[in-house]
Amino acid sequence: MHGNAVAFRAALADLEQHDVDLIVSLGDVAQGGPQPFECVELLRELDCPCVFGNSDDFLLTLDLGNEAIEDEEQKERLLETARWSQEQLGAEGLEFLRGFQPTVEVERILGCHATPKSNEDVILPSTARDEVDRALEGVEAAAVAAGHVHLQWLRRFDAMLWFCVGSVGLVYEQSEPLDPVPFRPWSEYAIVSPESLSVEFRRIPFDVDELLGVAHAKDFPGYETWAAMWQR
C-alpha cells in the first residue's frame, strides 16, 4: 500500500465483487504515502496475515538496508517521510508492523515480500537462473507469491510457479533511471487459486487527485516533489 489508502480502498471495493476466502498482505504497508495510519487501520479491520516488507523494516529502524542511495537529499527525504509516518502511526501502529511475518504459507502457495529468504532481493523475469535457484533453495511450495518490485509478472521455473502481484498503492515501471513521472494511477493485486494455481491479475483505477488532496491537507513531507511524480 505504501501509505496510499485511497488506492487500498479502491482495491478492496473491487475485491468485494469476487468470492475469496482469504486476503494476504505481502508487505510495504505504511511508508511512502500520506495515509500510513489509515492503511494500518484497514489491515486491522481485515484481520489478515501480513508479510514483513523492507519498507516496513525501514519504518521501524530507519535503516535503509541494502538499498544503495548516494543522493544525500533523496536519502534525507526518505528519512523525513519515515519520521513523519512514525508520528502518524504512534506506538500502537508501529507495534502492529512488528507483528508481521517473514512469509505466509497458504496451502500450496508461499507468500513473501521479495523472496522466501529476503525482503530486499530483487527477482524479475529476466533474473539469471542461478540467482532464482538460490532464492528457491529449500522451498517446497508449488508457487511463490511476491511483491517488492511493483510489477505484475508470472514465470515458471521448472515445476515452480513464481508470480508478483504488483503494488496496491505505488505502481511504477522498474527502470534506470526512474521515469520523471513514474507513478501510475491504478492499484494492482492478484486473485489466486491454491488448488489450480490460476492467477488473475487485477488493475483498478483510483482517484489520484483525492490522494494528492489528502497529502496536501496533511502537509505530507516533500509534497510538491512527490505530487509531481504522479500520472493522471
C-alpha atoms as a PDB file:
ATOM      1  CA  MET A   1       0.000   0.000   0.000  1.00  0.00           C
ATOM      2  CA  HIS A   2       2.902   2.374   0.736  1.00  0.00           C
ATOM      3  CA  GLY A   3       0.653   4.684   2.742  1.00  0.00           C
ATOM      4  CA  ASN A   4      -1.975   5.008  -0.017  1.00  0.00           C
ATOM      5  CA  ALA A   5      -5.359   4.219   1.497  1.00  0.00           C
ATOM      6  CA  VAL A   6      -7.222   5.769  -1.458  1.00  0.00           C
ATOM      7  CA  ALA A   7      -5.819   3.034  -3.716  1.00  0.00           C
ATOM      8  CA  PHE A   8      -6.246   0.412  -0.978  1.00  0.00           C
ATOM      9  CA  ARG A   9      -9.954   1.177  -0.661  1.00  0.00           C
ATOM     10  CA  ALA A  10     -10.358   1.023  -4.443  1.00  0.00           C
ATOM     11  CA  ALA A  11      -8.753  -2.424  -4.495  1.00  0.00           C
ATOM     12  CA  LEU A  12     -10.913  -3.627  -1.605  1.00  0.00           C
ATOM     13  CA  ALA A  13     -14.067  -2.366  -3.345  1.00  0.00           C
ATOM     14  CA  ASP A  14     -13.097  -4.365  -6.425  1.00  0.00           C
ATOM     15  CA  LEU A  15     -12.281  -7.411  -4.315  1.00  0.00           C
ATOM     16  CA  GLU A  16     -15.776  -7.353  -2.807  1.00  0.00           C
ATOM     17  CA  GLN A  17     -17.110  -8.312  -6.244  1.00  0.00           C
ATOM     18  CA  HIS A  18     -15.243 -11.631  -6.054  1.00  0.00           C
ATOM     19  CA  ASP A  19     -15.633 -14.702  -3.884  1.00  0.00           C
ATOM     20  CA  VAL A  20     -12.384 -15.002  -1.927  1.00  0.00           C
ATOM     21  CA  ASP A  21     -11.616 -16.968   1.225  1.00  0.00           C
ATOM     22  CA  LEU A  22      -8.526 -15.134   2.450  1.00  0.00           C
ATOM     23  CA  ILE A  23      -6.636 -11.869   1.941  1.00  0.00           C
ATOM     24  CA  VAL A  24      -2.848 -11.815   2.413  1.00  0.00           C
ATOM     25  CA  SER A  25      -0.811  -8.613   2.502  1.00  0.00           C
ATOM     26  CA  LEU A  26       2.701  -9.048   1.089  1.00  0.00           C
ATOM     27  CA  GLY A  27       4.207  -6.068   2.881  1.00  0.00           C
ATOM     28  CA  ASP A  28       5.290  -2.442   2.462  1.00  0.00           C
ATOM     29  CA  VAL A  29       2.175  -1.122   4.131  1.00  0.00           C
ATOM     30  CA  ALA A  30       2.708   2.366   5.524  1.00  0.00           C
ATOM     31  CA  GLN A  31       5.907   4.033   4.341  1.00  0.00           C
ATOM     32  CA  GLY A  32       5.972   6.409   1.372  1.00  0.00           C
ATOM     33  CA  GLY A  33       2.481   7.898   1.286  1.00  0.00           C
ATOM     34  CA  PRO A  34       0.257  10.293   3.230  1.00  0.00           C
ATOM     35  CA  GLN A  35      -2.040   7.681   4.816  1.00  0.00           C
ATOM     36  CA  PRO A  36       0.085   5.275   6.878  1.00  0.00           C
ATOM     37  CA  PHE A  37      -2.382   5.233   9.780  1.00  0.00           C
ATOM     38  CA  GLU A  38      -5.380   4.639   7.509  1.00  0.00           C
ATOM     39  CA  CYS A  39      -3.643   1.710   5.785  1.00  0.00           C
ATOM     40  CA  VAL A  40      -2.833   0.083   9.113  1.00  0.00           C
ATOM     41  CA  GLU A  41      -6.398   0.579  10.329  1.00  0.00           C
ATOM     42  CA  LEU A  42      -7.787  -1.059   7.187  1.00  0.00           C
ATOM     43  CA  LEU A  43      -5.489  -4.036   7.715  1.00  0.00           C
ATOM     44  CA  ARG A  44      -6.591  -4.275  11.345  1.00  0.00           C
ATOM     45  CA  GLU A  45     -10.210  -4.453  10.181  1.00  0.00           C
ATOM     46  CA  LEU A  46      -9.360  -7.172   7.657  1.00  0.00           C
ATOM     47  CA  ASP A  47      -7.514  -9.187  10.334  1.00  0.00           C
ATOM     48  CA  CYS A  48      -5.477 -10.868   7.600  1.00  0.00           C
ATOM     49  CA  PRO A  49      -1.960 -12.376   7.539  1.00  0.00           C
ATOM     50  CA  CYS A  50       0.702  -9.761   6.739  1.00  0.00           C
ATOM     51  CA  VAL A  51       4.239 -10.274   5.419  1.00  0.00           C
ATOM     52  CA  PHE A  52       7.057  -8.024   6.665  1.00  0.00           C
ATOM     53  CA  GLY A  53       8.354  -5.880   3.793  1.00  0.00           C
ATOM     54  CA  ASN A  54      11.611  -3.968   3.522  1.00  0.00           C
ATOM     55  CA  SER A  55       9.872  -0.590   3.853  1.00  0.00           C
ATOM     56  CA  ASP A  56       8.072  -1.865   6.965  1.00  0.00           C
ATOM     57  CA  ASP A  57      11.514  -2.671   8.355  1.00  0.00           C
ATOM     58  CA  PHE A  58      12.806   0.763   7.326  1.00  0.00           C
ATOM     59  CA  LEU A  59       9.889   2.470   9.034  1.00  0.00           C
ATOM     60  CA  LEU A  60      10.731   0.704  12.294  1.00  0.00           C
ATOM     61  CA  THR A  61      14.519   1.036  12.166  1.00  0.00           C
ATOM     62  CA  LEU A  62      15.267   3.985   9.812  1.00  0.00           C
ATOM     63  CA  ASP A  63      17.903   1.668   8.316  1.00  0.00           C
ATOM     64  CA  LEU A  64      17.883   1.592   4.509  1.00  0.00           C
ATOM     65  CA  GLY A  65      19.464  -1.876   4.473  1.00  0.00           C
ATOM     66  CA  ASN A  66      20.827  -2.927   1.088  1.00  0.00           C
ATOM     67  CA  GLU A  67      19.222  -0.007  -0.755  1.00  0.00           C
ATOM     68  CA  ALA A  68      22.150   1.997  -2.104  1.00  0.00           C
ATOM     69  CA  ILE A  69      21.196   5.687  -2.221  1.00  0.00           C
ATOM     70  CA  GLU A  70      24.106   8.003  -2.982  1.00  0.00           C
ATOM     71  CA  ASP A  71      21.974  11.144  -3.300  1.00  0.00           C
ATOM     72  CA  GLU A  72      22.035  12.633   0.209  1.00  0.00           C
ATOM     73  CA  GLU A  73      18.995  14.823  -0.480  1.00  0.00           C
ATOM     74  CA  GLN A  74      16.969  11.793  -1.565  1.00  0.00           C
ATOM     75  CA  LYS A  75      18.111   9.877   1.497  1.00  0.00           C
ATOM     76  CA  GLU A  76      17.090  12.715   3.768  1.00  0.00           C
ATOM     77  CA  ARG A  77      13.666  12.928   2.073  1.00  0.00           C
ATOM     78  CA  LEU A  78      13.125   9.212   2.751  1.00  0.00           C
ATOM     79  CA  LEU A  79      14.122   9.641   6.390  1.00  0.00           C
ATOM     80  CA  GLU A  80      11.925  12.716   6.800  1.00  0.00           C
ATOM     81  CA  THR A  81       8.936  10.832   5.401  1.00  0.00           C
ATOM     82  CA  ALA A  82       9.661   7.834   7.644  1.00  0.00           C
ATOM     83  CA  ARG A  83       9.864  10.000  10.772  1.00  0.00           C
ATOM     84  CA  TRP A  84       6.578  11.677   9.792  1.00  0.00           C
ATOM     85  CA  SER A  85       4.983   8.250   9.222  1.00  0.00           C
ATOM     86  CA  GLN A  86       6.211   7.061  12.615  1.00  0.00           C
ATOM     87  CA  GLU A  87       4.459  10.012  14.230  1.00  0.00           C
ATOM     88  CA  GLN A  88       1.266   9.275  12.300  1.00  0.00           C
ATOM     89  CA  LEU A  89       1.265   5.627  13.376  1.00  0.00           C
ATOM     90  CA  GLY A  90       2.218   6.126  17.004  1.00  0.00           C
ATOM     91  CA  ALA A  91       3.495   3.361  19.250  1.00  0.00           C
ATOM     92  CA  GLU A  92       0.469   1.121  18.685  1.00  0.00           C
ATOM     93  CA  GLY A  93       0.685   1.324  14.898  1.00  0.00           C
ATOM     94  CA  LEU A  94       4.405   0.605  14.896  1.00  0.00           C
ATOM     95  CA  GLU A  95       3.836  -2.380  17.163  1.00  0.00           C
ATOM     96  CA  PHE A  96       1.293  -3.677  14.652  1.00  0.00           C
ATOM     97  CA  LEU A  97       4.017  -3.663  11.970  1.00  0.00           C
ATOM     98  CA  ARG A  98       6.339  -5.632  14.256  1.00  0.00           C
ATOM     99  CA  GLY A  99       3.788  -8.448  14.244  1.00  0.00           C
ATOM    100  CA  PHE A 100       4.190  -9.081  10.504  1.00  0.00           C
ATOM    101  CA  GLN A 101       5.667 -12.432   9.431  1.00  0.00           C
ATOM    102  CA  PRO A 102       8.675 -13.171   7.155  1.00  0.00           C
ATOM    103  CA  THR A 103       6.498 -15.443   4.993  1.00  0.00           C
ATOM    104  CA  VAL A 104       2.904 -16.722   4.926  1.00  0.00           C
ATOM    105  CA  GLU A 105       2.052 -20.169   3.570  1.00  0.00           C
ATOM    106  CA  VAL A 106      -1.465 -20.837   2.271  1.00  0.00           C
ATOM    107  CA  GLU A 107      -1.898 -24.439   1.127  1.00  0.00           C
ATOM    108  CA  ARG A 108       0.443 -24.804  -1.896  1.00  0.00           C
ATOM    109  CA  ILE A 109       1.471 -21.138  -2.098  1.00  0.00           C
ATOM    110  CA  LEU A 110       4.290 -19.429  -0.188  1.00  0.00           C
ATOM    111  CA  GLY A 111       3.763 -15.695   0.192  1.00  0.00           C
ATOM    112  CA  CYS A 112       6.809 -13.488   0.697  1.00  0.00           C
ATOM    113  CA  HIS A 113       7.749  -9.871   0.146  1.00  0.00           C
ATOM    114  CA  ALA A 114      10.767 -10.155  -2.171  1.00  0.00           C
ATOM    115  CA  THR A 115      11.957 -13.778  -1.975  1.00  0.00           C
ATOM    116  CA  PRO A 116      11.375 -16.607   0.511  1.00  0.00           C
ATOM    117  CA  LYS A 117      14.711 -15.738   2.177  1.00  0.00           C
ATOM    118  CA  SER A 118      14.853 -11.947   1.873  1.00  0.00           C
ATOM    119  CA  ASN A 119      12.605  -8.890   1.862  1.00  0.00           C
ATOM    120  CA  GLU A 120      15.176  -6.912  -0.173  1.00  0.00           C
ATOM    121  CA  ASP A 121      16.478  -9.122  -3.015  1.00  0.00           C
ATOM    122  CA  VAL A 122      15.106  -8.466  -6.494  1.00  0.00           C
ATOM    123  CA  ILE A 123      13.774 -11.259  -8.725  1.00  0.00           C
ATOM    124  CA  LEU A 124      12.426 -10.365 -12.173  1.00  0.00           C
ATOM    125  CA  PRO A 125      11.509 -12.483 -15.210  1.00  0.00           C
ATOM    126  CA  SER A 126      14.953 -11.625 -16.616  1.00  0.00           C
ATOM    127  CA  THR A 127      16.855 -12.645 -13.471  1.00  0.00           C
ATOM    128  CA  ALA A 128      19.617 -15.201 -14.064  1.00  0.00           C
ATOM    129  CA  ARG A 129      18.507 -18.728 -13.312  1.00  0.00           C
ATOM    130  CA  ASP A 130      21.254 -19.399 -10.770  1.00  0.00           C
ATOM    131  CA  GLU A 131      20.017 -16.435  -8.681  1.00  0.00           C
ATOM    132  CA  VAL A 132      16.472 -17.774  -8.805  1.00  0.00           C
ATOM    133  CA  ASP A 133      17.653 -21.255  -7.826  1.00  0.00           C
ATOM    134  CA  ARG A 134      19.439 -19.824  -4.782  1.00  0.00           C
ATOM    135  CA  ALA A 135      16.309 -17.915  -3.782  1.00  0.00           C
ATOM    136  CA  LEU A 136      14.209 -21.093  -4.077  1.00  0.00           C
ATOM    137  CA  GLU A 137      16.611 -23.427  -2.295  1.00  0.00           C
ATOM    138  CA  GLY A 138      14.692 -25.451   0.284  1.00  0.00           C
ATOM    139  CA  VAL A 139      11.271 -24.149  -0.826  1.00  0.00           C
ATOM    140  CA  GLU A 140       8.734 -26.959  -1.154  1.00  0.00           C
ATOM    141  CA  ALA A 141       5.651 -24.940  -2.103  1.00  0.00           C
ATOM    142  CA  ALA A 142       4.165 -25.249  -5.578  1.00  0.00           C
ATOM    143  CA  ALA A 143       4.168 -21.485  -6.095  1.00  0.00           C
ATOM    144  CA  VAL A 144       5.766 -18.332  -4.707  1.00  0.00           C
ATOM    145  CA  ALA A 145       3.749 -15.112  -4.470  1.00  0.00           C
ATOM    146  CA  ALA A 146       5.772 -11.926  -4.029  1.00  0.00           C
ATOM    147  CA  GLY A 147       5.539  -8.147  -4.191  1.00  0.00           C
ATOM    148  CA  HIS A 148       8.529  -5.775  -3.761  1.00  0.00           C
ATOM    149  CA  VAL A 149       9.264  -4.950  -7.420  1.00  0.00           C
ATOM    150  CA  HIS A 150       5.972  -3.076  -8.050  1.00  0.00           C
ATOM    151  CA  LEU A 151       5.335  -5.103 -11.215  1.00  0.00           C
ATOM    152  CA  GLN A 152       2.816  -7.776 -12.113  1.00  0.00           C
ATOM    153  CA  TRP A 153       4.518 -10.769 -13.702  1.00  0.00           C
ATOM    154  CA  LEU A 154       4.427 -14.548 -13.748  1.00  0.00           C
ATOM    155  CA  ARG A 155       7.007 -17.111 -14.775  1.00  0.00           C
ATOM    156  CA  ARG A 156       7.509 -20.847 -14.342  1.00  0.00           C
ATOM    157  CA  PHE A 157      10.892 -22.096 -13.112  1.00  0.00           C
ATOM    158  CA  ASP A 158      10.777 -25.863 -13.766  1.00  0.00           C
ATOM    159  CA  ALA A 159       7.795 -27.024 -11.680  1.00  0.00           C
ATOM    160  CA  MET A 160       7.766 -23.887  -9.516  1.00  0.00           C
ATOM    161  CA  LEU A 161       5.446 -21.002 -10.388  1.00  0.00           C
ATOM    162  CA  TRP A 162       6.665 -17.545  -9.323  1.00  0.00           C
ATOM    163  CA  PHE A 163       4.402 -14.527  -9.603  1.00  0.00           C
ATOM    164  CA  CYS A 164       4.478 -10.948  -8.392  1.00  0.00           C
ATOM    165  CA  VAL A 165       1.150  -9.346  -7.601  1.00  0.00           C
ATOM    166  CA  GLY A 166       2.136  -5.727  -8.340  1.00  0.00           C
ATOM    167  CA  SER A 167       1.506  -2.907  -5.868  1.00  0.00           C
ATOM    168  CA  VAL A 168      -1.776  -1.799  -4.354  1.00  0.00           C
ATOM    169  CA  GLY A 169      -0.621   1.760  -3.716  1.00  0.00           C
ATOM    170  CA  LEU A 170       2.524   2.568  -5.731  1.00  0.00           C
ATOM    171  CA  VAL A 171       2.710   1.179  -9.257  1.00  0.00           C
ATOM    172  CA  TYR A 172       5.707   2.114 -11.390  1.00  0.00           C
ATOM    173  CA  GLU A 173       7.999   0.637 -14.033  1.00  0.00           C
ATOM    174  CA  GLN A 174      11.380  -0.725 -12.977  1.00  0.00           C
ATOM    175  CA  SER A 175      13.846   1.387 -14.977  1.00  0.00           C
ATOM    176  CA  GLU A 176      17.203   3.084 -14.540  1.00  0.00           C
ATOM    177  CA  PRO A 177      16.956   5.988 -14.252  1.00  0.00           C
ATOM    178  CA  LEU A 178      13.391   6.132 -12.974  1.00  0.00           C
ATOM    179  CA  ASP A 179      10.922   7.888 -15.262  1.00  0.00           C
ATOM    180  CA  PRO A 180      10.424  11.587 -14.333  1.00  0.00           C
ATOM    181  CA  VAL A 181       6.703  10.934 -13.708  1.00  0.00           C
ATOM    182  CA  PRO A 182       6.743   7.256 -12.734  1.00  0.00           C
ATOM    183  CA  PHE A 183       3.695   6.583 -10.552  1.00  0.00           C
ATOM    184  CA  ARG A 184       0.705   5.039 -12.350  1.00  0.00           C
ATOM    185  CA  PRO A 185      -2.896   5.974 -11.434  1.00  0.00           C
ATOM    186  CA  TRP A 186      -4.114   2.482 -10.661  1.00  0.00           C
ATOM    187  CA  SER A 187      -3.949  -0.185  -7.971  1.00  0.00           C
ATOM    188  CA  GLU A 188      -2.768  -3.753  -8.577  1.00  0.00           C
ATOM    189  CA  TYR A 189      -3.337  -7.063  -6.829  1.00  0.00           C
ATOM    190  CA  ALA A 190      -3.962 -10.708  -7.744  1.00  0.00           C
ATOM    191  CA  ILE A 191      -6.659 -13.313  -7.107  1.00  0.00           C
ATOM    192  CA  VAL A 192      -5.156 -16.788  -6.813  1.00  0.00           C
ATOM    193  CA  SER A 193      -6.499 -20.329  -6.580  1.00  0.00           C
ATOM    194  CA  PRO A 194      -4.315 -22.586  -4.395  1.00  0.00           C
ATOM    195  CA  GLU A 195      -5.891 -25.650  -5.989  1.00  0.00           C
ATOM    196  CA  SER A 196      -5.343 -24.886  -9.686  1.00  0.00           C
ATOM    197  CA  LEU A 197      -2.613 -22.255  -9.189  1.00  0.00           C
ATOM    198  CA  SER A 198      -4.518 -19.962 -11.525  1.00  0.00           C
ATOM    199  CA  VAL A 199      -3.536 -16.295 -11.148  1.00  0.00           C
ATOM    200  CA  GLU A 200      -5.768 -13.380 -12.158  1.00  0.00           C
ATOM    201  CA  PHE A 201      -4.024 -10.013 -12.160  1.00  0.00           C
ATOM    202  CA  ARG A 202      -6.308  -7.097 -11.298  1.00  0.00           C
ATOM    203  CA  ARG A 203      -5.772  -3.407 -12.202  1.00  0.00           C
ATOM    204  CA  ILE A 204      -8.129  -0.885 -10.605  1.00  0.00           C
ATOM    205  CA  PRO A 205      -8.062   2.890 -11.235  1.00  0.00           C
ATOM    206  CA  PHE A 206      -8.223   5.208  -8.245  1.00  0.00           C
ATOM    207  CA  ASP A 207      -8.632   8.963  -7.769  1.00  0.00           C
ATOM    208  CA  VAL A 208      -5.109  10.421  -7.749  1.00  0.00           C
ATOM    209  CA  ASP A 209      -6.477  13.922  -7.091  1.00  0.00           C
ATOM    210  CA  GLU A 210      -8.132  12.627  -3.913  1.00  0.00           C
ATOM    211  CA  LEU A 211      -4.804  11.170  -2.782  1.00  0.00           C
ATOM    212  CA  LEU A 212      -2.975  14.432  -3.521  1.00  0.00           C
ATOM    213  CA  GLY A 213      -5.650  16.382  -1.693  1.00  0.00           C
ATOM    214  CA  VAL A 214      -5.177  14.231   1.405  1.00  0.00           C
ATOM    215  CA  ALA A 215      -1.405  14.653   1.201  1.00  0.00           C
ATOM    216  CA  HIS A 216      -1.667  18.443   0.862  1.00  0.00           C
ATOM    217  CA  ALA A 217      -4.100  18.710   3.763  1.00  0.00           C
ATOM    218  CA  LYS A 218      -1.774  16.665   5.970  1.00  0.00           C
ATOM    219  CA  ASP A 219       1.321  18.653   4.973  1.00  0.00           C
ATOM    220  CA  PHE A 220       2.956  15.450   3.742  1.00  0.00           C
ATOM    221  CA  PRO A 221       6.755  15.886   3.662  1.00  0.00           C
ATOM    222  CA  GLY A 222       8.164  16.805   0.252  1.00  0.00           C
ATOM    223  CA  TYR A 223       4.652  17.199  -1.103  1.00  0.00           C
ATOM    224  CA  GLU A 224       5.494  19.184  -4.249  1.00  0.00           C
ATOM    225  CA  THR A 225       8.186  16.752  -5.400  1.00  0.00           C
ATOM    226  CA  TRP A 226       6.076  13.696  -4.581  1.00  0.00           C
ATOM    227  CA  ALA A 227       2.864  15.067  -6.178  1.00  0.00           C
ATOM    228  CA  ALA A 228       4.693  15.845  -9.419  1.00  0.00           C
ATOM    229  CA  MET A 229       5.615  12.158  -9.759  1.00  0.00           C
ATOM    230  CA  TRP A 230       2.003  11.003 -10.226  1.00  0.00           C
ATOM    231  CA  GLN A 231       0.493  10.422 -13.645  1.00  0.00           C
ATOM    232  CA  ARG A 232      -3.143  11.388 -14.254  1.00  0.00           C
END
